[in-house]
N, C-alpha and C. Protein backbone atom coordinates (compact mmCIF):
# COMPACT_ATOMS: atom_id res chain seq x y z
N UNK A 1 -135.98 -76.48 -35.35
CA UNK A 1 -135.63 -75.10 -35.14
C UNK A 1 -136.45 -74.49 -33.99
N UNK A 2 -137.74 -74.79 -33.98
CA UNK A 2 -138.61 -74.25 -32.93
C UNK A 2 -138.20 -74.78 -31.55
N UNK A 3 -137.84 -76.06 -31.48
CA UNK A 3 -137.42 -76.66 -30.23
C UNK A 3 -136.13 -75.99 -29.72
N UNK A 4 -135.23 -75.69 -30.61
CA UNK A 4 -133.99 -75.03 -30.21
C UNK A 4 -134.26 -73.63 -29.68
N UNK A 5 -135.20 -72.93 -30.29
CA UNK A 5 -135.55 -71.59 -29.83
C UNK A 5 -136.17 -71.64 -28.43
N UNK A 6 -137.05 -72.59 -28.21
CA UNK A 6 -137.68 -72.74 -26.89
C UNK A 6 -136.63 -73.10 -25.84
N UNK A 7 -135.72 -73.99 -26.19
CA UNK A 7 -134.65 -74.37 -25.26
C UNK A 7 -133.76 -73.18 -24.93
N UNK A 8 -133.44 -72.36 -25.93
CA UNK A 8 -132.60 -71.19 -25.71
C UNK A 8 -133.31 -70.18 -24.80
N UNK A 9 -134.60 -70.00 -24.99
CA UNK A 9 -135.37 -69.09 -24.14
C UNK A 9 -135.43 -69.61 -22.70
N UNK A 10 -135.61 -70.90 -22.55
CA UNK A 10 -135.66 -71.49 -21.21
C UNK A 10 -134.32 -71.32 -20.50
N UNK A 11 -133.23 -71.54 -21.20
CA UNK A 11 -131.90 -71.37 -20.59
C UNK A 11 -131.66 -69.91 -20.22
N UNK A 12 -132.12 -68.98 -21.05
CA UNK A 12 -131.99 -67.56 -20.74
C UNK A 12 -132.76 -67.19 -19.49
N UNK A 13 -133.97 -67.72 -19.36
CA UNK A 13 -134.78 -67.44 -18.17
C UNK A 13 -134.12 -68.03 -16.94
N UNK A 14 -133.55 -69.20 -17.06
CA UNK A 14 -132.86 -69.82 -15.93
C UNK A 14 -131.65 -68.98 -15.52
N UNK A 15 -130.90 -68.48 -16.50
CA UNK A 15 -129.71 -67.69 -16.20
C UNK A 15 -130.07 -66.39 -15.50
N UNK A 16 -131.24 -65.84 -15.79
CA UNK A 16 -131.67 -64.59 -15.16
C UNK A 16 -132.24 -64.85 -13.77
N UNK A 17 -133.03 -65.89 -13.61
CA UNK A 17 -133.73 -66.15 -12.35
C UNK A 17 -132.89 -66.89 -11.32
N UNK A 18 -131.97 -67.71 -11.72
CA UNK A 18 -131.18 -68.51 -10.77
C UNK A 18 -130.42 -67.66 -9.77
N UNK A 19 -129.74 -66.59 -10.18
CA UNK A 19 -129.03 -65.78 -9.17
C UNK A 19 -129.97 -65.14 -8.14
N UNK A 20 -131.16 -64.76 -8.55
CA UNK A 20 -132.11 -64.16 -7.61
C UNK A 20 -132.54 -65.16 -6.56
N UNK A 21 -132.75 -66.39 -6.95
CA UNK A 21 -133.14 -67.42 -6.00
C UNK A 21 -131.96 -67.76 -5.09
N UNK A 22 -130.77 -67.80 -5.65
CA UNK A 22 -129.60 -68.14 -4.86
C UNK A 22 -129.31 -67.09 -3.80
N UNK A 23 -129.69 -65.85 -4.04
CA UNK A 23 -129.41 -64.78 -3.11
C UNK A 23 -130.57 -64.45 -2.19
N UNK A 24 -131.53 -65.36 -2.07
CA UNK A 24 -132.68 -65.10 -1.21
C UNK A 24 -132.27 -64.97 0.25
N UNK A 25 -131.27 -65.71 0.67
CA UNK A 25 -130.73 -65.64 2.03
C UNK A 25 -129.31 -65.13 1.96
N UNK A 26 -128.92 -64.32 2.91
CA UNK A 26 -127.54 -63.86 2.99
C UNK A 26 -126.83 -64.68 4.05
N UNK A 27 -125.83 -65.44 3.63
CA UNK A 27 -125.03 -66.21 4.59
C UNK A 27 -124.01 -65.25 5.20
N UNK A 28 -124.08 -65.11 6.51
CA UNK A 28 -123.29 -64.11 7.20
C UNK A 28 -122.03 -64.65 7.87
N UNK A 29 -121.90 -65.94 8.03
CA UNK A 29 -120.70 -66.45 8.67
C UNK A 29 -120.85 -67.88 9.13
N UNK A 30 -119.76 -68.41 9.67
CA UNK A 30 -119.81 -69.75 10.22
C UNK A 30 -119.26 -69.72 11.63
N UNK A 31 -119.76 -70.65 12.45
CA UNK A 31 -119.47 -70.65 13.89
C UNK A 31 -119.21 -72.06 14.36
N UNK A 32 -118.42 -72.17 15.40
CA UNK A 32 -118.07 -73.47 15.96
C UNK A 32 -119.21 -74.06 16.78
N UNK A 33 -120.07 -73.19 17.34
CA UNK A 33 -121.17 -73.68 18.18
C UNK A 33 -122.50 -73.06 17.75
N UNK A 34 -123.56 -73.78 18.05
CA UNK A 34 -124.90 -73.28 17.76
C UNK A 34 -125.18 -72.01 18.55
N UNK A 35 -124.74 -71.96 19.80
CA UNK A 35 -124.98 -70.79 20.66
C UNK A 35 -124.36 -69.53 20.07
N UNK A 36 -123.15 -69.64 19.54
CA UNK A 36 -122.49 -68.47 18.94
C UNK A 36 -123.24 -68.03 17.68
N UNK A 37 -123.69 -68.97 16.89
CA UNK A 37 -124.46 -68.65 15.68
C UNK A 37 -125.76 -67.93 16.04
N UNK A 38 -126.46 -68.46 17.03
CA UNK A 38 -127.73 -67.86 17.44
C UNK A 38 -127.54 -66.48 18.03
N UNK A 39 -126.45 -66.26 18.75
CA UNK A 39 -126.20 -64.95 19.34
C UNK A 39 -126.01 -63.90 18.25
N UNK A 40 -125.21 -64.21 17.24
CA UNK A 40 -125.03 -63.26 16.14
C UNK A 40 -126.28 -63.17 15.28
N UNK A 41 -127.02 -64.26 15.16
CA UNK A 41 -128.26 -64.23 14.37
C UNK A 41 -129.28 -63.29 14.97
N UNK A 42 -129.40 -63.29 16.28
CA UNK A 42 -130.36 -62.40 16.94
C UNK A 42 -129.99 -60.94 16.71
N UNK A 43 -128.71 -60.64 16.71
CA UNK A 43 -128.26 -59.27 16.45
C UNK A 43 -128.48 -58.92 14.98
N UNK A 44 -128.09 -59.83 14.09
CA UNK A 44 -128.21 -59.57 12.65
C UNK A 44 -129.65 -59.43 12.20
N UNK A 45 -130.55 -60.22 12.77
CA UNK A 45 -131.96 -60.16 12.38
C UNK A 45 -132.58 -58.84 12.80
N UNK A 46 -131.97 -58.14 13.75
CA UNK A 46 -132.48 -56.84 14.17
C UNK A 46 -132.07 -55.72 13.24
N UNK A 47 -131.16 -55.99 12.31
CA UNK A 47 -130.71 -54.97 11.38
C UNK A 47 -131.78 -54.71 10.32
N UNK A 48 -131.74 -53.52 9.78
CA UNK A 48 -132.71 -53.13 8.76
C UNK A 48 -132.64 -54.06 7.56
N UNK A 49 -133.79 -54.51 7.11
CA UNK A 49 -133.85 -55.37 5.94
C UNK A 49 -133.92 -56.86 6.26
N UNK A 50 -133.64 -57.24 7.48
CA UNK A 50 -133.69 -58.65 7.86
C UNK A 50 -134.68 -58.84 9.00
N UNK A 51 -135.44 -59.91 8.92
CA UNK A 51 -136.43 -60.14 9.97
C UNK A 51 -136.21 -61.45 10.72
N UNK A 52 -135.60 -62.43 10.08
CA UNK A 52 -135.38 -63.72 10.72
C UNK A 52 -133.99 -64.26 10.38
N UNK A 53 -133.59 -65.28 11.10
CA UNK A 53 -132.31 -65.93 10.82
C UNK A 53 -132.45 -67.42 11.05
N UNK A 54 -131.53 -68.17 10.47
CA UNK A 54 -131.43 -69.60 10.71
C UNK A 54 -129.97 -69.97 10.90
N UNK A 55 -129.73 -70.95 11.71
CA UNK A 55 -128.40 -71.52 11.90
C UNK A 55 -128.49 -73.00 11.50
N UNK A 56 -127.73 -73.38 10.50
CA UNK A 56 -127.74 -74.76 10.05
C UNK A 56 -126.34 -75.33 10.13
N UNK A 57 -126.26 -76.60 10.53
CA UNK A 57 -124.96 -77.24 10.64
C UNK A 57 -124.56 -77.83 9.30
N UNK A 58 -123.37 -77.49 8.85
CA UNK A 58 -122.86 -78.00 7.59
C UNK A 58 -122.19 -79.35 7.77
N UNK A 59 -121.82 -79.96 6.66
CA UNK A 59 -121.14 -81.25 6.68
C UNK A 59 -119.79 -81.18 7.38
N UNK A 60 -119.24 -79.97 7.46
CA UNK A 60 -117.94 -79.79 8.10
C UNK A 60 -118.04 -79.61 9.62
N UNK A 61 -119.28 -79.65 10.16
CA UNK A 61 -119.48 -79.52 11.60
C UNK A 61 -119.67 -78.09 12.07
N UNK A 62 -119.44 -77.10 11.21
CA UNK A 62 -119.65 -75.71 11.57
C UNK A 62 -121.11 -75.33 11.40
N UNK A 63 -121.52 -74.27 12.09
CA UNK A 63 -122.88 -73.75 11.99
C UNK A 63 -122.85 -72.51 11.11
N UNK A 64 -123.76 -72.45 10.15
CA UNK A 64 -123.81 -71.35 9.19
C UNK A 64 -125.03 -70.48 9.45
N UNK A 65 -124.78 -69.19 9.59
CA UNK A 65 -125.83 -68.21 9.86
C UNK A 65 -126.33 -67.66 8.54
N UNK A 66 -127.66 -67.72 8.35
CA UNK A 66 -128.30 -67.12 7.19
C UNK A 66 -129.35 -66.14 7.66
N UNK A 67 -129.32 -64.94 7.10
CA UNK A 67 -130.32 -63.92 7.42
C UNK A 67 -131.32 -63.85 6.29
N UNK A 68 -132.61 -63.75 6.64
CA UNK A 68 -133.66 -63.66 5.63
C UNK A 68 -134.39 -62.32 5.77
N UNK A 69 -134.76 -61.77 4.62
CA UNK A 69 -135.52 -60.50 4.65
C UNK A 69 -136.93 -60.71 5.15
């Protein structure tokens, strides 16, 4: 019984914390070239609430822009 209670509490904590971790970066779009991603990243990082950006290439060959606070 005690093990089940601990497991239930752990799953509840995971359900609450997982979305916060998943939303740490805001994915703003995808681009055909790194240059296009970086151009929009520089503009987006200048917006209030964001300080940096990253452009990462996905398995599909597109570049994904993520803004970080």
